[in-house]
């Protein structure tokens, strides 16, 4: 069985104060289309941890100190041909030096018999 990946889910970790800015940017630029609906997304509140090393330029926290930050997990579907463009938009607006972004390939129900 082979699959033709046409969509991915982007999962982006964002400090809570920046969620709506990032969400609006990606949705207004074509992410989040499901069938006849646009601007579809989901977000979940959580706590992220990180410890910047000596070479880091952290937006939040101090080098060599473990940080706990209230973050939102934003999930949006993106057409495969738009992934690079949307990733560039995210990196341009996201406050973190290295944003946590997962790219998850999605299968279509039509791919199954």
N, C-alpha and C. Protein backbone atom coordinates (compact mmCIF):
# COMPACT_ATOMS: atom_id res chain seq x y z
N UNK A 1 0.85 -1.18 0.00
CA UNK A 1 0.00 0.00 0.00
C UNK A 1 0.89 1.24 0.00
N UNK A 2 0.63 2.16 -0.89
CA UNK A 2 1.39 3.42 -0.91
C UNK A 2 0.42 4.58 -0.67
N UNK A 3 0.97 5.64 -0.16
CA UNK A 3 0.15 6.80 0.20
C UNK A 3 0.67 8.04 -0.51
N UNK A 4 -0.22 8.87 -0.93
CA UNK A 4 0.11 10.15 -1.54
C UNK A 4 -0.23 11.24 -0.52
N UNK A 5 0.79 11.71 0.18
CA UNK A 5 0.57 12.71 1.23
C UNK A 5 0.27 14.07 0.59
N UNK A 6 -0.91 14.59 0.90
CA UNK A 6 -1.33 15.88 0.35
C UNK A 6 -1.43 16.96 1.42
N UNK A 7 -1.52 16.53 2.67
CA UNK A 7 -1.64 17.48 3.78
C UNK A 7 -0.76 17.04 4.94
N UNK A 8 -0.36 18.02 5.73
CA UNK A 8 0.34 17.74 6.98
C UNK A 8 -0.36 18.50 8.09
N UNK A 9 -0.10 18.08 9.30
CA UNK A 9 -0.54 18.85 10.46
C UNK A 9 0.71 19.50 11.04
N UNK A 10 0.66 20.82 11.19
CA UNK A 10 1.72 21.53 11.88
C UNK A 10 1.31 21.69 13.33
N UNK A 11 2.22 21.34 14.23
CA UNK A 11 2.02 21.52 15.67
C UNK A 11 3.10 22.49 16.12
N UNK A 12 2.67 23.64 16.63
CA UNK A 12 3.59 24.70 16.98
C UNK A 12 3.42 25.05 18.45
N UNK A 13 4.51 25.06 19.20
CA UNK A 13 4.48 25.48 20.60
C UNK A 13 4.77 26.98 20.66
N UNK A 14 3.85 27.70 21.33
CA UNK A 14 3.90 29.17 21.32
C UNK A 14 3.65 29.69 22.73
N UNK A 15 4.42 30.70 23.20
CA UNK A 15 4.07 31.32 24.48
C UNK A 15 2.64 31.86 24.39
N UNK A 16 1.87 31.67 25.44
CA UNK A 16 0.44 32.00 25.43
C UNK A 16 0.15 33.41 24.94
N UNK A 17 0.98 34.36 25.29
CA UNK A 17 0.75 35.75 24.90
C UNK A 17 0.86 35.98 23.39
N UNK A 18 1.45 35.05 22.66
CA UNK A 18 1.68 35.21 21.22
C UNK A 18 0.79 34.31 20.37
N UNK A 19 -0.04 33.51 21.02
CA UNK A 19 -0.86 32.53 20.29
C UNK A 19 -1.69 33.17 19.19
N UNK A 20 -2.48 34.17 19.52
CA UNK A 20 -3.43 34.72 18.54
C UNK A 20 -2.72 35.40 17.38
N UNK A 21 -1.57 35.99 17.63
CA UNK A 21 -0.81 36.62 16.55
C UNK A 21 -0.32 35.56 15.54
N UNK A 22 0.23 34.46 16.05
CA UNK A 22 0.71 33.39 15.17
C UNK A 22 -0.48 32.70 14.49
N UNK A 23 -1.53 32.40 15.25
CA UNK A 23 -2.71 31.75 14.67
C UNK A 23 -3.27 32.57 13.51
N UNK A 24 -3.48 33.85 13.73
CA UNK A 24 -4.04 34.73 12.69
C UNK A 24 -3.15 34.74 11.45
N UNK A 25 -1.86 34.83 11.65
CA UNK A 25 -0.93 34.90 10.52
C UNK A 25 -1.02 33.64 9.65
N UNK A 26 -0.98 32.46 10.27
CA UNK A 26 -1.00 31.23 9.47
C UNK A 26 -2.36 30.98 8.84
N UNK A 27 -3.43 31.26 9.59
CA UNK A 27 -4.77 31.02 9.04
C UNK A 27 -5.11 32.01 7.93
N UNK A 28 -4.73 33.27 8.09
CA UNK A 28 -4.98 34.28 7.06
C UNK A 28 -4.16 34.03 5.79
N UNK A 29 -3.16 33.14 5.89
CA UNK A 29 -2.30 32.85 4.74
C UNK A 29 -2.50 31.43 4.19
N UNK A 30 -3.66 30.84 4.46
CA UNK A 30 -4.03 29.60 3.79
C UNK A 30 -3.92 28.32 4.58
N UNK A 31 -3.38 28.35 5.78
CA UNK A 31 -3.37 27.15 6.62
C UNK A 31 -4.76 26.97 7.22
N UNK A 32 -5.06 25.74 7.63
CA UNK A 32 -6.32 25.50 8.34
C UNK A 32 -7.53 25.30 7.46
N UNK A 33 -7.34 24.75 6.26
CA UNK A 33 -8.48 24.46 5.39
C UNK A 33 -8.85 22.99 5.54
N UNK A 34 -10.12 22.75 5.87
CA UNK A 34 -10.66 21.39 5.97
C UNK A 34 -11.96 21.39 5.17
N UNK A 35 -11.92 20.75 3.99
CA UNK A 35 -13.11 20.72 3.13
C UNK A 35 -13.55 22.12 2.75
N UNK A 36 -14.80 22.44 3.08
CA UNK A 36 -15.37 23.75 2.74
C UNK A 36 -15.19 24.78 3.85
N UNK A 37 -14.31 24.51 4.79
CA UNK A 37 -14.09 25.41 5.92
C UNK A 37 -12.66 25.93 5.91
N UNK A 38 -12.52 27.20 6.23
CA UNK A 38 -11.20 27.81 6.35
C UNK A 38 -10.98 28.23 7.80
N UNK A 39 -9.75 28.62 8.12
CA UNK A 39 -9.40 29.13 9.45
C UNK A 39 -9.65 28.11 10.56
N UNK A 40 -9.45 26.82 10.26
CA UNK A 40 -9.64 25.76 11.26
C UNK A 40 -8.33 25.55 12.03
N UNK A 41 -8.42 25.54 13.34
CA UNK A 41 -7.25 25.28 14.18
C UNK A 41 -7.72 24.80 15.53
N UNK A 42 -6.78 24.26 16.28
CA UNK A 42 -7.03 23.83 17.65
C UNK A 42 -5.84 24.25 18.48
N UNK A 43 -6.10 24.62 19.73
CA UNK A 43 -4.98 24.93 20.63
C UNK A 43 -5.26 24.36 22.01
N UNK A 44 -4.18 24.01 22.68
CA UNK A 44 -4.23 23.44 24.02
C UNK A 44 -3.21 24.15 24.89
N UNK A 45 -3.60 24.46 26.10
CA UNK A 45 -2.70 25.09 27.06
C UNK A 45 -1.83 24.03 27.72
N UNK A 46 -0.57 24.35 27.93
CA UNK A 46 0.35 23.42 28.60
C UNK A 46 1.52 24.18 29.18
N UNK A 47 2.48 23.42 29.64
CA UNK A 47 3.71 24.00 30.20
C UNK A 47 4.89 23.41 29.44
N UNK A 48 5.70 24.27 28.87
CA UNK A 48 6.91 23.84 28.17
C UNK A 48 8.12 24.06 29.05
N UNK A 49 9.14 23.26 28.84
CA UNK A 49 10.41 23.43 29.56
C UNK A 49 11.54 23.54 28.56
N UNK A 50 12.56 24.26 28.93
CA UNK A 50 13.77 24.35 28.12
C UNK A 50 14.89 24.95 28.98
N UNK A 51 16.11 24.66 28.56
CA UNK A 51 17.29 25.19 29.24
C UNK A 51 18.24 25.70 28.16
N UNK A 52 18.31 27.02 27.95
CA UNK A 52 19.20 27.57 26.93
C UNK A 52 20.67 27.32 27.27
N UNK A 53 21.45 26.91 26.26
CA UNK A 53 22.88 26.74 26.53
C UNK A 53 23.61 28.07 26.40
N UNK A 54 24.92 28.04 26.51
CA UNK A 54 25.72 29.28 26.51
C UNK A 54 25.66 30.04 25.18
N UNK A 55 25.41 29.33 24.08
CA UNK A 55 25.36 29.98 22.76
C UNK A 55 23.96 30.50 22.41
N UNK A 56 22.95 30.17 23.20
CA UNK A 56 21.57 30.56 22.90
C UNK A 56 21.35 32.05 23.14
N UNK A 57 20.32 32.55 22.50
CA UNK A 57 19.85 33.92 22.71
C UNK A 57 18.38 33.83 23.09
N UNK A 58 18.09 33.43 24.34
CA UNK A 58 16.70 33.12 24.70
C UNK A 58 15.79 34.34 24.74
N UNK A 59 14.58 34.16 24.22
CA UNK A 59 13.53 35.18 24.29
C UNK A 59 13.00 35.26 25.71
N UNK A 60 12.89 34.10 26.36
CA UNK A 60 12.42 33.99 27.74
C UNK A 60 13.49 33.25 28.53
N UNK A 61 13.77 33.70 29.74
CA UNK A 61 14.66 32.96 30.62
C UNK A 61 16.12 33.33 30.46
N UNK A 62 16.95 32.59 31.18
CA UNK A 62 18.38 32.85 31.24
C UNK A 62 19.17 31.63 30.78
N UNK A 63 20.35 31.87 30.26
CA UNK A 63 21.22 30.78 29.84
C UNK A 63 21.54 29.87 31.02
N UNK A 64 21.61 28.58 30.74
CA UNK A 64 21.95 27.55 31.73
C UNK A 64 20.98 27.47 32.90
N UNK A 65 19.75 27.93 32.71
CA UNK A 65 18.73 27.84 33.75
C UNK A 65 17.47 27.19 33.16
N UNK A 66 16.99 26.14 33.81
CA UNK A 66 15.78 25.47 33.35
C UNK A 66 14.58 26.39 33.53
N UNK A 67 13.81 26.55 32.46
CA UNK A 67 12.65 27.43 32.47
C UNK A 67 11.37 26.62 32.29
N UNK A 68 10.31 27.07 32.91
CA UNK A 68 8.96 26.53 32.77
C UNK A 68 8.09 27.67 32.25
N UNK A 69 7.44 27.46 31.10
CA UNK A 69 6.69 28.54 30.45
C UNK A 69 5.29 28.05 30.07
N UNK A 70 4.28 28.87 30.37
CA UNK A 70 2.93 28.58 29.89
C UNK A 70 2.94 28.75 28.37
N UNK A 71 2.61 27.67 27.67
CA UNK A 71 2.60 27.70 26.23
C UNK A 71 1.28 27.15 25.70
N UNK A 72 1.02 27.45 24.45
CA UNK A 72 -0.12 26.88 23.75
C UNK A 72 0.42 25.98 22.65
N UNK A 73 -0.25 24.87 22.45
CA UNK A 73 0.06 23.95 21.35
C UNK A 73 -0.96 24.25 20.26
N UNK A 74 -0.53 24.88 19.19
CA UNK A 74 -1.40 25.23 18.08
C UNK A 74 -1.27 24.15 17.01
N UNK A 75 -2.42 23.63 16.54
CA UNK A 75 -2.44 22.62 15.49
C UNK A 75 -3.24 23.13 14.31
N UNK A 76 -2.64 23.04 13.12
CA UNK A 76 -3.33 23.43 11.88
C UNK A 76 -2.95 22.47 10.76
N UNK A 77 -3.90 22.23 9.86
CA UNK A 77 -3.62 21.43 8.67
C UNK A 77 -3.12 22.36 7.57
N UNK A 78 -2.17 21.84 6.78
CA UNK A 78 -1.58 22.64 5.71
C UNK A 78 -1.41 21.76 4.47
N UNK A 79 -1.78 22.28 3.30
CA UNK A 79 -1.52 21.57 2.06
C UNK A 79 -0.01 21.42 1.89
N UNK A 80 0.41 20.27 1.40
CA UNK A 80 1.83 19.96 1.29
C UNK A 80 2.59 21.01 0.47
N UNK A 81 1.95 21.57 -0.53
CA UNK A 81 2.63 22.56 -1.38
C UNK A 81 2.84 23.90 -0.66
N UNK A 82 2.13 24.10 0.46
CA UNK A 82 2.23 25.37 1.19
C UNK A 82 3.08 25.27 2.46
N UNK A 83 3.59 24.09 2.78
CA UNK A 83 4.27 23.89 4.07
C UNK A 83 5.45 24.84 4.24
N UNK A 84 6.36 24.90 3.27
CA UNK A 84 7.56 25.74 3.41
C UNK A 84 7.19 27.21 3.61
N UNK A 85 6.20 27.67 2.85
CA UNK A 85 5.78 29.07 2.94
C UNK A 85 5.20 29.37 4.33
N UNK A 86 4.37 28.47 4.84
CA UNK A 86 3.78 28.67 6.17
C UNK A 86 4.85 28.59 7.25
N UNK A 87 5.81 27.68 7.11
CA UNK A 87 6.91 27.60 8.08
C UNK A 87 7.71 28.89 8.12
N UNK A 88 7.95 29.49 6.96
CA UNK A 88 8.65 30.79 6.92
C UNK A 88 7.86 31.87 7.65
N UNK A 89 6.54 31.89 7.44
CA UNK A 89 5.70 32.86 8.14
C UNK A 89 5.78 32.67 9.65
N UNK A 90 5.72 31.41 10.09
CA UNK A 90 5.79 31.12 11.52
C UNK A 90 7.11 31.61 12.09
N UNK A 91 8.21 31.27 11.42
CA UNK A 91 9.54 31.66 11.94
C UNK A 91 9.73 33.18 11.94
N UNK A 92 9.09 33.87 11.01
CA UNK A 92 9.19 35.34 10.97
C UNK A 92 8.47 36.01 12.13
N UNK A 93 7.41 35.39 12.64
CA UNK A 93 6.57 36.02 13.65
C UNK A 93 6.74 35.42 15.05
N UNK A 94 7.17 34.17 15.12
CA UNK A 94 7.29 33.46 16.40
C UNK A 94 8.41 34.10 17.23
N UNK A 95 8.17 34.32 18.53
CA UNK A 95 9.18 35.00 19.34
C UNK A 95 10.40 34.15 19.71
N UNK A 96 10.28 32.83 19.66
CA UNK A 96 11.39 31.97 20.07
C UNK A 96 12.49 31.94 19.01
N UNK A 97 13.72 31.85 19.49
CA UNK A 97 14.88 31.68 18.61
C UNK A 97 14.76 30.37 17.82
N UNK A 98 14.32 29.31 18.49
CA UNK A 98 14.11 27.99 17.87
C UNK A 98 12.73 27.48 18.25
N UNK A 99 11.68 27.85 17.49
CA UNK A 99 10.35 27.38 17.86
C UNK A 99 10.21 25.87 17.73
N UNK A 100 9.45 25.28 18.64
CA UNK A 100 9.14 23.86 18.56
C UNK A 100 8.04 23.64 17.54
N UNK A 101 8.37 22.98 16.42
CA UNK A 101 7.40 22.75 15.35
C UNK A 101 7.50 21.28 14.94
N UNK A 102 6.35 20.59 14.97
CA UNK A 102 6.27 19.23 14.45
C UNK A 102 5.53 19.27 13.12
N UNK A 103 5.99 18.44 12.18
CA UNK A 103 5.33 18.31 10.88
C UNK A 103 4.88 16.86 10.78
N UNK A 104 3.57 16.65 10.81
CA UNK A 104 3.01 15.30 10.84
C UNK A 104 2.28 15.04 9.52
N UNK A 105 2.75 14.06 8.71
CA UNK A 105 2.04 13.75 7.48
C UNK A 105 0.67 13.16 7.78
N UNK A 106 -0.33 13.56 7.02
CA UNK A 106 -1.70 13.08 7.23
C UNK A 106 -2.13 12.18 6.08
N UNK A 107 -2.81 11.12 6.43
CA UNK A 107 -3.40 10.21 5.44
C UNK A 107 -4.85 10.62 5.21
N UNK A 108 -5.32 10.38 4.00
CA UNK A 108 -6.70 10.67 3.66
C UNK A 108 -7.53 9.41 3.80
N UNK A 109 -8.74 9.55 4.24
CA UNK A 109 -9.64 8.40 4.38
C UNK A 109 -9.76 7.62 3.06
N UNK A 110 -9.65 8.32 1.92
CA UNK A 110 -9.76 7.68 0.62
C UNK A 110 -8.60 6.72 0.35
N UNK A 111 -7.50 6.86 1.09
CA UNK A 111 -6.34 5.98 0.90
C UNK A 111 -6.58 4.57 1.43
N UNK A 112 -7.63 4.38 2.19
CA UNK A 112 -7.91 3.08 2.80
C UNK A 112 -9.04 2.37 2.06
N UNK A 113 -8.89 1.04 1.97
CA UNK A 113 -9.92 0.26 1.27
C UNK A 113 -10.93 -0.29 2.23
